[in-house]
């Protein structure tokens, strides 16, 4: 009985060690909603406002804060981040 439990423990341990962590690379998206940041993919409508920022393309994942009125991007906070940041 003890051998079966030990074998089961080893299999479980091997499974946990061997499985890749899908969140790898998204540990540092540069902030969270608790910090006031929002993460979104750039749309065509966004491009009219964000077009002046270097590297912004449709579909890029960005991190930003809204201005105090909540209606516009705070352009000083816009940053392109890894695509996986928009998936969380």
N, C-alpha and C. Protein backbone atom coordinates (compact mmCIF):
# COMPACT_ATOMS: atom_id res chain seq x y z
N UNK A 1 0.82 -1.19 0.00
CA UNK A 1 0.00 0.00 0.00
C UNK A 1 0.87 1.27 0.00
N UNK A 2 1.91 1.29 0.81
CA UNK A 2 2.80 2.43 0.89
C UNK A 2 3.52 2.63 -0.44
N UNK A 3 3.86 1.54 -1.12
CA UNK A 3 4.53 1.64 -2.42
C UNK A 3 3.63 2.31 -3.45
N UNK A 4 2.33 2.00 -3.41
CA UNK A 4 1.39 2.60 -4.35
C UNK A 4 1.26 4.10 -4.09
N UNK A 5 1.19 4.49 -2.84
CA UNK A 5 1.09 5.91 -2.49
C UNK A 5 2.36 6.64 -2.92
N UNK A 6 3.51 6.04 -2.67
CA UNK A 6 4.79 6.63 -3.06
C UNK A 6 4.87 6.77 -4.58
N UNK A 7 4.45 5.75 -5.31
CA UNK A 7 4.47 5.78 -6.77
C UNK A 7 3.52 6.87 -7.29
N UNK A 8 2.34 6.97 -6.70
CA UNK A 8 1.39 8.00 -7.09
C UNK A 8 1.96 9.39 -6.83
N UNK A 9 2.62 9.56 -5.70
CA UNK A 9 3.26 10.83 -5.36
C UNK A 9 4.34 11.18 -6.39
N UNK A 10 5.16 10.22 -6.79
CA UNK A 10 6.21 10.46 -7.78
C UNK A 10 5.62 10.85 -9.14
N UNK A 11 4.54 10.19 -9.53
CA UNK A 11 3.90 10.51 -10.80
C UNK A 11 3.32 11.92 -10.77
N UNK A 12 2.68 12.26 -9.66
CA UNK A 12 2.13 13.60 -9.52
C UNK A 12 3.24 14.65 -9.54
N UNK A 13 4.32 14.39 -8.84
CA UNK A 13 5.45 15.31 -8.82
C UNK A 13 6.05 15.47 -10.21
N UNK A 14 6.21 14.40 -10.93
CA UNK A 14 6.73 14.45 -12.29
C UNK A 14 5.81 15.26 -13.19
N UNK A 15 4.52 15.07 -13.05
CA UNK A 15 3.55 15.81 -13.85
C UNK A 15 3.65 17.31 -13.58
N UNK A 16 3.76 17.69 -12.32
CA UNK A 16 3.83 19.11 -11.96
C UNK A 16 5.11 19.76 -12.45
N UNK A 17 6.21 19.04 -12.41
CA UNK A 17 7.49 19.58 -12.84
C UNK A 17 7.57 19.64 -14.38
N UNK A 18 6.98 18.67 -15.05
CA UNK A 18 7.10 18.57 -16.50
C UNK A 18 6.16 19.51 -17.25
N UNK A 19 5.06 19.91 -16.66
CA UNK A 19 4.09 20.77 -17.36
C UNK A 19 4.61 22.20 -17.42
N UNK A 20 4.60 22.77 -18.62
CA UNK A 20 5.06 24.14 -18.75
C UNK A 20 4.08 25.12 -18.12
N UNK A 21 4.60 26.25 -17.70
CA UNK A 21 3.77 27.31 -17.13
C UNK A 21 3.35 28.24 -18.25
N UNK A 22 2.07 28.29 -18.59
CA UNK A 22 1.57 29.09 -19.71
C UNK A 22 1.73 30.59 -19.47
N UNK A 23 1.83 31.02 -18.23
CA UNK A 23 1.94 32.44 -17.93
C UNK A 23 3.36 32.97 -18.04
N UNK A 24 4.29 32.11 -18.39
CA UNK A 24 5.68 32.53 -18.47
C UNK A 24 5.83 33.65 -19.49
N UNK A 25 6.52 34.70 -19.11
CA UNK A 25 6.71 35.82 -20.00
C UNK A 25 5.71 36.93 -19.76
N UNK A 26 4.67 36.67 -19.01
CA UNK A 26 3.66 37.69 -18.71
C UNK A 26 3.73 38.10 -17.26
N UNK A 27 4.80 37.81 -16.60
CA UNK A 27 4.93 38.17 -15.20
C UNK A 27 5.02 39.67 -15.00
N UNK A 28 5.54 40.37 -15.99
CA UNK A 28 5.73 41.80 -15.83
C UNK A 28 5.09 42.56 -16.99
N UNK A 29 3.79 42.82 -16.84
CA UNK A 29 3.10 43.59 -17.86
C UNK A 29 3.18 45.08 -17.56
N UNK A 30 3.86 45.43 -16.49
CA UNK A 30 4.10 46.83 -16.18
C UNK A 30 3.05 47.48 -15.31
N UNK A 31 2.23 46.70 -14.68
CA UNK A 31 1.19 47.25 -13.82
C UNK A 31 -0.05 46.40 -13.88
N UNK A 32 -0.99 46.72 -13.02
CA UNK A 32 -2.25 45.97 -12.97
C UNK A 32 -3.41 46.96 -12.90
N UNK A 33 -4.60 46.43 -12.92
CA UNK A 33 -5.79 47.26 -12.78
C UNK A 33 -5.78 47.97 -11.44
N UNK A 34 -5.16 47.35 -10.45
CA UNK A 34 -5.06 47.98 -9.14
C UNK A 34 -4.17 49.23 -9.18
N UNK A 35 -3.26 49.27 -10.15
CA UNK A 35 -2.39 50.44 -10.33
C UNK A 35 -3.04 51.47 -11.26
N UNK A 36 -4.24 51.16 -11.75
CA UNK A 36 -4.96 52.08 -12.63
C UNK A 36 -4.73 51.83 -14.11
N UNK A 37 -4.03 50.74 -14.46
CA UNK A 37 -3.74 50.44 -15.86
C UNK A 37 -4.84 49.57 -16.48
N UNK A 38 -5.06 49.79 -17.76
CA UNK A 38 -5.98 48.99 -18.55
C UNK A 38 -5.17 48.38 -19.68
N UNK A 39 -5.50 47.14 -20.05
CA UNK A 39 -4.82 46.45 -21.14
C UNK A 39 -5.83 46.16 -22.25
N UNK A 40 -5.51 46.55 -23.46
CA UNK A 40 -6.39 46.32 -24.61
C UNK A 40 -5.59 46.17 -25.88
N UNK A 41 -6.23 45.53 -26.87
CA UNK A 41 -5.64 45.50 -28.20
C UNK A 41 -6.07 46.76 -28.93
N UNK A 42 -5.17 47.32 -29.71
CA UNK A 42 -5.44 48.54 -30.46
C UNK A 42 -6.43 48.24 -31.59
N UNK A 43 -7.46 49.07 -31.69
CA UNK A 43 -8.45 48.94 -32.76
C UNK A 43 -8.26 50.08 -33.76
N UNK A 44 -8.99 50.02 -34.84
CA UNK A 44 -8.92 51.07 -35.86
C UNK A 44 -9.30 52.43 -35.26
N UNK A 45 -10.33 52.43 -34.41
CA UNK A 45 -10.77 53.68 -33.79
C UNK A 45 -9.68 54.24 -32.87
N UNK A 46 -8.98 53.36 -32.15
CA UNK A 46 -7.91 53.80 -31.25
C UNK A 46 -6.76 54.44 -32.02
N UNK A 47 -6.53 53.94 -33.22
CA UNK A 47 -5.38 54.39 -34.00
C UNK A 47 -5.44 55.88 -34.31
N UNK A 48 -6.63 56.45 -34.41
CA UNK A 48 -6.74 57.88 -34.69
C UNK A 48 -6.15 58.71 -33.55
N UNK A 49 -6.28 58.21 -32.32
CA UNK A 49 -5.76 58.90 -31.15
C UNK A 49 -4.31 58.50 -30.88
N UNK A 50 -4.01 57.21 -31.08
CA UNK A 50 -2.70 56.67 -30.70
C UNK A 50 -1.69 56.67 -31.84
N UNK A 51 -2.09 57.07 -33.03
CA UNK A 51 -1.23 56.99 -34.20
C UNK A 51 0.09 57.71 -34.07
N UNK A 52 0.15 58.71 -33.21
CA UNK A 52 1.39 59.47 -33.05
C UNK A 52 2.42 58.74 -32.19
N UNK A 53 2.04 57.65 -31.55
CA UNK A 53 2.97 56.90 -30.72
C UNK A 53 3.70 55.88 -31.58
N UNK A 54 5.01 55.88 -31.51
CA UNK A 54 5.84 55.02 -32.34
C UNK A 54 5.57 53.53 -32.07
N UNK A 55 5.39 52.78 -33.13
CA UNK A 55 5.22 51.33 -33.03
C UNK A 55 3.80 50.87 -32.84
N UNK A 56 2.84 51.77 -32.71
CA UNK A 56 1.45 51.38 -32.51
C UNK A 56 0.86 50.89 -33.82
N UNK A 57 0.32 49.68 -33.80
CA UNK A 57 -0.35 49.10 -34.97
C UNK A 57 -1.65 48.44 -34.50
N UNK A 58 -2.56 48.25 -35.41
CA UNK A 58 -3.82 47.57 -35.08
C UNK A 58 -3.50 46.17 -34.59
N UNK A 59 -4.10 45.79 -33.47
CA UNK A 59 -3.89 44.46 -32.89
C UNK A 59 -2.80 44.41 -31.84
N UNK A 60 -2.00 45.46 -31.72
CA UNK A 60 -0.94 45.47 -30.70
C UNK A 60 -1.59 45.54 -29.32
N UNK A 61 -0.96 44.93 -28.34
CA UNK A 61 -1.44 44.98 -26.97
C UNK A 61 -0.80 46.18 -26.28
N UNK A 62 -1.63 47.02 -25.69
CA UNK A 62 -1.11 48.20 -25.01
C UNK A 62 -1.58 48.26 -23.56
N UNK A 63 -0.78 48.94 -22.77
CA UNK A 63 -1.11 49.24 -21.38
C UNK A 63 -1.26 50.75 -21.30
N UNK A 64 -2.31 51.21 -20.61
CA UNK A 64 -2.52 52.66 -20.51
C UNK A 64 -3.38 52.99 -19.31
N UNK A 65 -3.43 54.29 -18.99
CA UNK A 65 -4.36 54.81 -18.00
C UNK A 65 -5.28 55.77 -18.74
N UNK A 66 -6.45 55.98 -18.17
CA UNK A 66 -7.37 56.97 -18.73
C UNK A 66 -7.13 58.32 -18.06
N UNK A 67 -7.44 59.38 -18.79
CA UNK A 67 -7.37 60.71 -18.19
C UNK A 67 -8.42 60.79 -17.09
N UNK A 68 -8.34 61.79 -16.27
CA UNK A 68 -9.25 61.93 -15.13
C UNK A 68 -10.72 61.92 -15.54
N UNK A 69 -11.03 62.43 -16.73
CA UNK A 69 -12.43 62.43 -17.16
C UNK A 69 -12.89 61.03 -17.59
N UNK A 70 -11.92 60.10 -17.75
CA UNK A 70 -12.24 58.71 -18.08
C UNK A 70 -12.62 58.48 -19.53
N UNK A 71 -12.54 59.51 -20.36
CA UNK A 71 -12.99 59.38 -21.74
C UNK A 71 -11.85 59.22 -22.74
N UNK A 72 -10.63 59.58 -22.37
CA UNK A 72 -9.52 59.56 -23.31
C UNK A 72 -8.30 58.84 -22.73
N UNK A 73 -7.46 58.36 -23.64
CA UNK A 73 -6.19 57.77 -23.23
C UNK A 73 -5.31 58.85 -22.61
N UNK A 74 -4.58 58.52 -21.57
CA UNK A 74 -3.52 59.39 -21.08
C UNK A 74 -2.29 58.99 -21.89
N UNK A 75 -2.00 59.75 -22.93
CA UNK A 75 -0.96 59.36 -23.89
C UNK A 75 0.41 59.17 -23.26
N UNK A 76 0.67 59.81 -22.15
CA UNK A 76 1.96 59.65 -21.48
C UNK A 76 2.11 58.28 -20.83
N UNK A 77 1.01 57.56 -20.65
CA UNK A 77 1.07 56.25 -20.00
C UNK A 77 0.96 55.09 -20.98
N UNK A 78 0.73 55.36 -22.25
CA UNK A 78 0.55 54.29 -23.24
C UNK A 78 1.89 53.61 -23.52
N UNK A 79 1.88 52.28 -23.44
CA UNK A 79 3.08 51.51 -23.73
C UNK A 79 2.68 50.19 -24.37
N UNK A 80 3.41 49.79 -25.40
CA UNK A 80 3.17 48.48 -26.03
C UNK A 80 3.75 47.41 -25.11
N UNK A 81 2.96 46.36 -24.86
CA UNK A 81 3.39 45.26 -24.00
C UNK A 81 3.19 43.94 -24.73
N UNK A 82 3.65 42.84 -24.14
CA UNK A 82 3.49 41.52 -24.74
C UNK A 82 2.01 41.20 -24.96
N UNK A 83 1.72 40.49 -26.05
CA UNK A 83 0.34 40.13 -26.38
C UNK A 83 -0.37 39.38 -25.25
N UNK A 84 0.38 38.58 -24.50
CA UNK A 84 -0.23 37.79 -23.44
C UNK A 84 -0.80 38.66 -22.32
N UNK A 85 -0.36 39.89 -22.20
CA UNK A 85 -0.89 40.80 -21.18
C UNK A 85 -2.36 41.13 -21.45
N UNK A 86 -2.76 41.12 -22.71
CA UNK A 86 -4.15 41.42 -23.07
C UNK A 86 -5.05 40.19 -22.90
N UNK A 87 -4.49 39.03 -22.72
CA UNK A 87 -5.28 37.81 -22.59
C UNK A 87 -5.71 37.54 -21.17
N UNK A 88 -5.09 38.17 -20.21
CA UNK A 88 -5.39 37.89 -18.81
C UNK A 88 -6.62 38.59 -18.34
